[in-house]
Protein backbone atom coordinates (compact mmCIF):
# COMPACT_ATOMS: atom_id res chain seq x y z
CA MET A 1 -24.76 -3.34 15.48
CA ASN A 2 -27.94 -4.76 16.99
CA THR A 3 -27.09 -8.03 18.70
CA ASN A 4 -30.54 -8.65 20.22
CA THR A 5 -29.10 -8.87 23.72
CA LYS A 6 -30.80 -7.72 26.85
CA ASN A 7 -29.15 -4.52 28.04
CA HIS A 8 -28.23 -3.81 31.63
CA PRO A 9 -27.65 -0.06 32.15
CA VAL A 10 -27.06 -0.45 35.91
CA ILE A 11 -23.37 0.51 35.66
CA MET A 12 -24.31 3.53 33.53
CA ILE A 13 -26.85 4.68 36.12
CA ILE A 14 -24.35 4.18 38.96
CA THR A 15 -21.75 6.17 37.00
CA PHE A 16 -24.20 9.03 36.41
CA LEU A 17 -25.06 9.08 40.12
CA ALA A 18 -21.39 8.94 41.18
CA ILE A 19 -20.55 11.89 38.92
CA ILE A 20 -23.44 13.91 40.35
CA PHE A 21 -22.48 12.98 43.92
CA PHE A 22 -18.78 13.80 43.63
CA SER A 23 -19.42 16.94 41.56
CA THR A 24 -21.69 18.41 44.22
CA LEU A 25 -19.39 17.79 47.20
CA PRO A 26 -17.21 20.63 48.43
CA SER A 27 -13.77 20.31 46.84
CA ILE A 28 -12.26 16.85 47.39
CA GLN A 29 -9.49 17.14 44.83
CA PRO A 30 -6.56 14.90 45.76
CA ASP A 31 -3.22 16.72 45.83
CA MET A 32 -1.08 15.12 43.14
CA GLY A 33 1.42 17.97 43.12
CA ILE A 34 0.53 18.71 39.50
CA GLN A 35 -1.26 21.89 38.51
CA ASN A 36 -4.72 21.25 37.02
CA SER A 37 -4.54 17.53 37.85
CA ASP A 38 -8.28 17.62 38.48
CA LYS A 39 -8.78 17.73 34.70
CA PHE A 40 -7.48 14.16 34.56
CA PHE A 41 -10.18 13.04 37.03
CA HIS A 42 -12.86 14.96 35.12
CA GLY A 43 -11.82 13.25 31.90
CA LEU A 44 -11.58 9.85 33.58
CA ALA A 45 -15.06 10.10 35.11
CA TYR A 46 -16.67 11.01 31.80
CA PHE A 47 -14.55 8.41 29.95
CA ILE A 48 -16.02 5.75 32.26
CA LEU A 49 -19.50 7.23 31.76
CA ALA A 50 -19.12 7.01 27.97
CA LEU A 51 -17.91 3.41 28.16
CA SER A 52 -20.85 2.48 30.36
CA ILE A 53 -23.26 4.16 27.93
CA ILE A 54 -21.84 2.41 24.87
CA LEU A 55 -21.84 -0.97 26.60
CA SER A 56 -25.38 -0.47 27.96
CA PHE A 57 -27.12 -0.05 24.61
CA ASP A 58 -27.14 -1.74 21.22
CA GLN A 59 -29.02 0.98 19.35
CA LEU A 60 -27.04 4.04 18.26
CA LYS A 61 -29.96 6.41 18.97
CA TYR A 62 -29.86 5.52 22.68
CA MET A 63 -26.08 5.83 22.80
CA ILE A 64 -26.30 9.32 21.29
CA LEU A 65 -29.20 10.31 23.56
CA PHE A 66 -27.31 9.38 26.74
CA MET A 67 -24.08 10.97 25.46
CA VAL A 68 -26.01 14.23 24.99
CA ILE A 69 -27.48 13.81 28.49
CA GLY A 70 -23.92 13.29 29.81
CA LEU A 71 -22.71 16.45 28.07
CA LEU A 72 -25.67 18.47 29.37
CA LEU A 73 -25.03 17.07 32.85
CA SER A 74 -21.40 18.18 32.61
CA ILE A 75 -22.41 21.73 31.68
CA SER A 76 -25.14 21.89 34.33
CA LEU A 77 -22.86 20.61 37.10
CA GLU A 78 -20.20 23.19 36.24
CA PHE A 79 -22.71 26.01 36.63
CA LEU A 80 -24.03 24.42 39.85
CA GLN A 81 -20.51 24.23 41.28
CA GLU A 82 -20.40 28.02 41.36
CA MET A 83 -22.79 27.77 44.33
CA ILE A 84 -20.89 25.02 46.19
CA PRO A 85 -18.22 25.97 48.77
CA ARG A 86 -14.62 25.56 47.52
CA ARG A 87 -15.90 24.79 44.01
CA HIS A 88 -15.88 27.01 40.96
CA PHE A 89 -17.06 27.13 37.37
CA SER A 90 -14.44 26.09 34.82
CA VAL A 91 -14.69 25.91 31.06
CA PHE A 92 -11.58 23.70 31.15
CA ASP A 93 -13.41 21.19 33.37
CA MET A 94 -16.20 21.05 30.79
CA LEU A 95 -13.60 20.58 28.05
CA ALA A 96 -11.98 17.71 30.00
CA ASN A 97 -15.43 16.16 30.48
CA GLY A 98 -16.19 16.43 26.77
CA ILE A 99 -12.83 14.91 25.83
CA GLY A 100 -13.49 12.08 28.27
CA LEU A 101 -16.91 11.45 26.72
CA PHE A 102 -15.47 11.46 23.21
CA LEU A 103 -12.51 9.18 23.98
CA GLY A 104 -14.65 6.83 26.06
CA SER A 105 -17.23 6.53 23.30
CA MET A 106 -14.55 5.82 20.67
CA VAL A 107 -12.88 3.17 22.83
CA GLY A 108 -16.29 1.70 23.71
CA LEU A 109 -17.40 1.50 20.08
CA VAL A 110 -14.14 -0.14 18.98
CA PHE A 111 -14.33 -2.58 21.90
CA LYS A 112 -17.97 -3.40 21.19
CA LYS A 113 -17.35 -3.89 17.47
CA THR A 114 -14.31 -6.10 18.15
CA LEU A 115 -16.22 -8.13 20.72
CA HIS A 116 -19.19 -8.50 18.37
CA GLY A 117 -16.84 -9.67 15.61
CA LEU A 118 -15.22 -12.22 17.90
CA LEU A 119 -18.59 -13.55 19.00
CA GLU A 120 -19.72 -13.89 15.38
CA LYS A 121 -16.51 -15.81 14.55
CA LEU A 122 -17.09 -18.11 17.51
CA LYS A 123 -20.63 -18.82 16.28
CA LEU A 124 -19.25 -19.69 12.83
CA MET A 125 -16.53 -21.87 14.37
CA LYS A 126 -19.17 -23.78 16.33
CA PHE A 127 -21.22 -24.21 13.15
CA PHE A 128 -18.31 -25.53 11.12
CA ASN A 129 -17.20 -27.81 13.94
CA GLY A 130 -20.68 -29.30 14.06
CA THR A 131 -21.55 -28.06 17.57
CA SER A 132 -24.26 -25.68 16.34
CA LYS A 133 -27.07 -26.25 13.85
CA ASN A 134 -27.16 -22.75 12.31
CA PRO A 135 -24.66 -19.86 11.99
């Protein structure tokens, strides 16, 4: 899947920092009137993190490395929240984070593969139309 492109992990870094920031604030959970609605936000945050990781790297080893870092961050922040006012440790939060990472990585990989395929087709189209010298 190596496309020899220059990677820009800025969004990934911002996402990591945003997760750390919001996870260490005293409870800021919006009231949606739905019990355990915070699990949605946990999953969404880590879904976005996974997408940003997948789109930041071309090499699978770096994607896996940062996914593991994201999972370790999730676990660490849950334990840390036990010491933060109006926050508490929750295995279900960690589960939501893990599901978000998994789903985000799957969507990111499919998106990246589809995009890569489209770009390759465009290169071939340019070649066959005579606008490019090599495929």
